[in-house]
Amino acid sequence: MAGNLEFIKSASGTSVSSLSVTDCFSAKYDVYKIVLTEFDVATAGADGVLRFLDSGGSVISASEYDYAYLDMPAHTSFSDNNATGQTAIYTFTKDSRNDYETGGFILYVYNPYDSSSYTFTQHQDTFFNNGNGGQGHKGIGVHKSAEQITGINMLCISGNIDNIKLSVYGVK
């Protein structure tokens, strides 16, 4: 993705059920880059998921999300995963404390603040599966409700997050 980045805010948490980053989207940018640098959970191999915050700061947990991603393990065949009408956009990383070592995670969010458009995502991540070698994902998602999105909420589908750290940038 071409362009310059402008730092907006960072957030972190320890022993949390989820992490919300409020007021990180505005009319200033159409595209945002989110970099996750830490994601440790107690449950080995647990997937992380993404939800959005509405203009009032509430987590949108209705069945308004669709996603698709390619799972690319080094030790076996690639596989496609997708679902519609979900309560979150699934699989953005794996836990980095038990069976997996996170390599990196980048998420782009498109048009979140535009109340007349759906909000789209594109992500990729890499990690090392201690039993099977390198692995990664490349995926897309959509929040299928035209509303103003002002923030994100990240959580683990299996238990609490021991440590999480991320940064949000506006793409010029």
Protein backbone atom coordinates (compact mmCIF):
# COMPACT_ATOMS: atom_id res chain seq x y z
CA MET A 1 0.00 0.00 0.00
CA ALA A 2 1.60 3.23 -1.16
CA GLY A 3 1.55 6.39 0.88
CA ASN A 4 2.80 7.89 4.08
CA LEU A 5 1.68 6.81 7.53
CA GLU A 6 0.67 9.12 10.34
CA PHE A 7 0.66 7.65 13.84
CA ILE A 8 -2.75 8.00 15.51
CA LYS A 9 -2.57 6.00 18.71
CA SER A 10 -1.36 2.82 20.34
CA ALA A 11 -2.97 0.62 22.95
CA SER A 12 -1.98 -2.31 25.09
CA GLY A 13 -3.48 -4.56 27.69
CA THR A 14 -2.53 -7.24 30.19
CA SER A 15 -4.91 -9.97 31.41
CA VAL A 16 -7.91 -8.57 29.51
CA SER A 17 -10.91 -10.23 27.90
CA SER A 18 -10.63 -7.81 24.95
CA LEU A 19 -8.95 -4.57 23.95
CA SER A 20 -10.91 -1.64 22.57
CA VAL A 21 -9.22 1.24 20.81
CA THR A 22 -11.67 4.12 20.80
CA ASP A 23 -11.74 7.20 18.58
CA CYS A 24 -8.97 6.01 16.27
CA PHE A 25 -10.98 6.53 13.05
CA SER A 26 -12.08 9.94 11.80
CA ALA A 27 -12.97 11.82 8.63
CA LYS A 28 -9.27 12.67 8.17
CA TYR A 29 -8.40 9.32 6.49
CA ASP A 30 -10.16 6.75 4.31
CA VAL A 31 -7.58 4.02 4.99
CA TYR A 32 -5.98 2.93 8.27
CA LYS A 33 -3.14 0.54 9.03
CA ILE A 34 -3.15 -1.44 12.28
CA VAL A 35 0.01 -3.21 13.38
CA LEU A 36 -0.28 -5.85 16.10
CA THR A 37 3.10 -6.41 17.76
CA GLU A 38 2.08 -8.59 20.69
CA PHE A 39 -0.71 -11.12 21.23
CA ASP A 40 -0.22 -13.66 24.04
CA VAL A 41 -3.04 -15.87 25.25
CA ALA A 42 -3.26 -18.78 27.65
CA THR A 43 -5.00 -21.12 25.19
CA ALA A 44 -2.56 -22.65 22.69
CA GLY A 45 -3.40 -21.90 19.07
CA ALA A 46 -6.31 -19.59 19.92
CA ASP A 47 -7.48 -17.30 17.14
CA GLY A 48 -7.88 -13.59 17.53
CA VAL A 49 -10.91 -11.80 16.14
CA LEU A 50 -11.79 -8.22 15.26
CA ARG A 51 -14.97 -6.26 15.88
CA PHE A 52 -15.70 -2.58 15.36
CA LEU A 53 -16.97 0.17 17.64
CA ASP A 54 -19.92 2.28 16.53
CA SER A 55 -20.12 6.08 16.80
CA GLY A 56 -21.26 5.76 20.42
CA GLY A 57 -18.23 3.64 21.32
CA SER A 58 -20.21 0.39 21.68
CA VAL A 59 -18.86 -2.92 20.38
CA ILE A 60 -20.74 -4.10 17.30
CA SER A 61 -21.34 -7.78 18.02
CA ALA A 62 -24.35 -8.37 15.76
CA SER A 63 -24.07 -10.92 12.94
CA GLU A 64 -22.96 -8.27 10.43
CA TYR A 65 -19.48 -9.52 9.51
CA ASP A 66 -18.26 -11.66 6.61
CA TYR A 67 -14.71 -12.89 6.17
CA ALA A 68 -12.49 -15.09 4.03
CA TYR A 69 -8.87 -16.05 4.50
CA LEU A 70 -6.26 -18.37 3.11
CA ASP A 71 -4.46 -20.50 5.69
CA MET A 72 -0.92 -21.14 4.41
CA PRO A 73 0.99 -23.70 6.51
CA ALA A 74 4.45 -24.84 5.40
CA HIS A 75 3.81 -28.45 6.45
CA THR A 76 0.61 -29.22 4.50
CA SER A 77 -1.78 -27.96 1.83
CA PHE A 78 -3.23 -24.45 1.91
CA SER A 79 -6.91 -24.14 2.78
CA ASP A 80 -9.64 -21.56 2.27
CA ASN A 81 -11.83 -20.51 5.18
CA ASN A 82 -14.83 -18.21 4.96
CA ALA A 83 -18.13 -17.42 6.63
CA THR A 84 -20.97 -14.94 6.38
CA GLY A 85 -23.24 -13.45 9.02
CA GLN A 86 -20.66 -13.70 11.81
CA THR A 87 -20.26 -11.68 15.02
CA ALA A 88 -16.60 -10.82 14.21
CA ILE A 89 -13.95 -11.04 11.53
CA TYR A 90 -12.03 -14.19 12.33
CA THR A 91 -8.44 -15.15 12.37
CA PHE A 92 -5.89 -12.47 12.46
CA THR A 93 -3.15 -14.16 14.47
CA LYS A 94 -2.23 -17.06 16.72
CA ASP A 95 -1.09 -17.01 20.30
CA SER A 96 2.61 -16.37 20.71
CA ARG A 97 3.25 -17.92 24.08
CA ASN A 98 2.46 -21.62 23.82
CA ASP A 99 2.54 -23.56 20.54
CA TYR A 100 3.00 -20.62 18.20
CA GLU A 101 5.43 -17.72 17.85
CA THR A 102 3.91 -14.65 16.21
CA GLY A 103 5.89 -13.13 13.37
CA GLY A 104 3.75 -10.15 12.57
CA PHE A 105 0.28 -8.87 11.79
CA ILE A 106 -0.87 -6.04 9.53
CA LEU A 107 -4.52 -5.03 9.05
CA TYR A 108 -5.86 -2.36 6.70
CA VAL A 109 -9.30 -0.86 7.36
CA TYR A 110 -11.10 0.95 4.54
CA ASN A 111 -13.74 3.70 4.91
CA PRO A 112 -14.61 3.09 8.57
CA TYR A 113 -15.82 6.62 9.26
CA ASP A 114 -18.04 6.84 6.14
CA SER A 115 -21.61 6.26 7.38
CA SER A 116 -22.83 5.58 3.83
CA SER A 117 -20.40 2.72 3.13
CA TYR A 118 -19.60 -0.74 4.43
CA THR A 119 -16.26 -1.04 6.24
CA PHE A 120 -13.76 -3.42 4.60
CA THR A 121 -10.58 -5.04 5.91
CA GLN A 122 -7.53 -6.72 4.46
CA HIS A 123 -5.02 -8.53 6.66
CA GLN A 124 -1.97 -10.74 6.64
CA ASP A 125 -0.01 -12.39 9.38
CA THR A 126 2.83 -14.84 9.88
CA PHE A 127 3.73 -17.08 12.76
CA PHE A 128 5.86 -20.09 13.57
CA ASN A 129 4.05 -23.26 14.57
CA ASN A 130 6.55 -25.02 16.87
CA GLY A 131 5.47 -28.46 15.69
CA ASN A 132 5.12 -27.75 11.98
CA GLY A 133 7.17 -24.74 10.85
CA GLY A 134 6.09 -21.46 9.33
CA GLN A 135 2.50 -20.51 8.69
CA GLY A 136 0.52 -17.46 7.64
CA HIS A 137 -2.85 -16.07 6.70
CA LYS A 138 -4.00 -13.60 4.11
CA GLY A 139 -7.59 -12.48 4.29
CA ILE A 140 -10.37 -10.01 3.81
CA GLY A 141 -13.43 -8.98 5.79
CA VAL A 142 -16.42 -6.69 5.69
CA HIS A 143 -18.77 -5.16 8.22
CA LYS A 144 -22.04 -5.21 6.29
CA SER A 145 -23.80 -2.28 7.87
CA ALA A 146 -23.38 1.24 6.52
CA GLU A 147 -22.62 3.13 9.72
CA GLN A 148 -19.91 5.30 11.19
CA ILE A 149 -17.15 3.24 12.79
CA THR A 150 -14.92 5.02 15.31
CA GLY A 151 -12.77 2.24 16.77
CA ILE A 152 -11.83 -1.42 17.00
CA ASN A 153 -12.21 -4.21 19.52
CA MET A 154 -9.84 -7.18 19.50
CA LEU A 155 -10.39 -10.35 21.45
CA CYS A 156 -9.49 -14.01 21.62
CA ILE A 157 -12.15 -16.63 20.83
CA SER A 158 -10.81 -18.87 23.61
CA GLY A 159 -10.21 -17.17 26.94
CA ASN A 160 -8.43 -14.01 28.00
CA ILE A 161 -5.57 -12.15 26.38
CA ASP A 162 -2.47 -12.18 28.58
CA ASN A 163 -0.71 -9.39 26.62
CA ILE A 164 -1.71 -7.36 23.57
CA LYS A 165 -0.09 -4.34 21.95
CA LEU A 166 -1.05 -2.54 18.74
CA SER A 167 -0.64 0.73 16.89
CA VAL A 168 -3.04 2.54 14.54
CA TYR A 169 -1.86 4.69 11.64
CA GLY A 170 -3.69 6.83 9.10
CA VAL A 171 -2.62 6.23 5.49
CA LYS A 172 -2.10 9.49 3.56
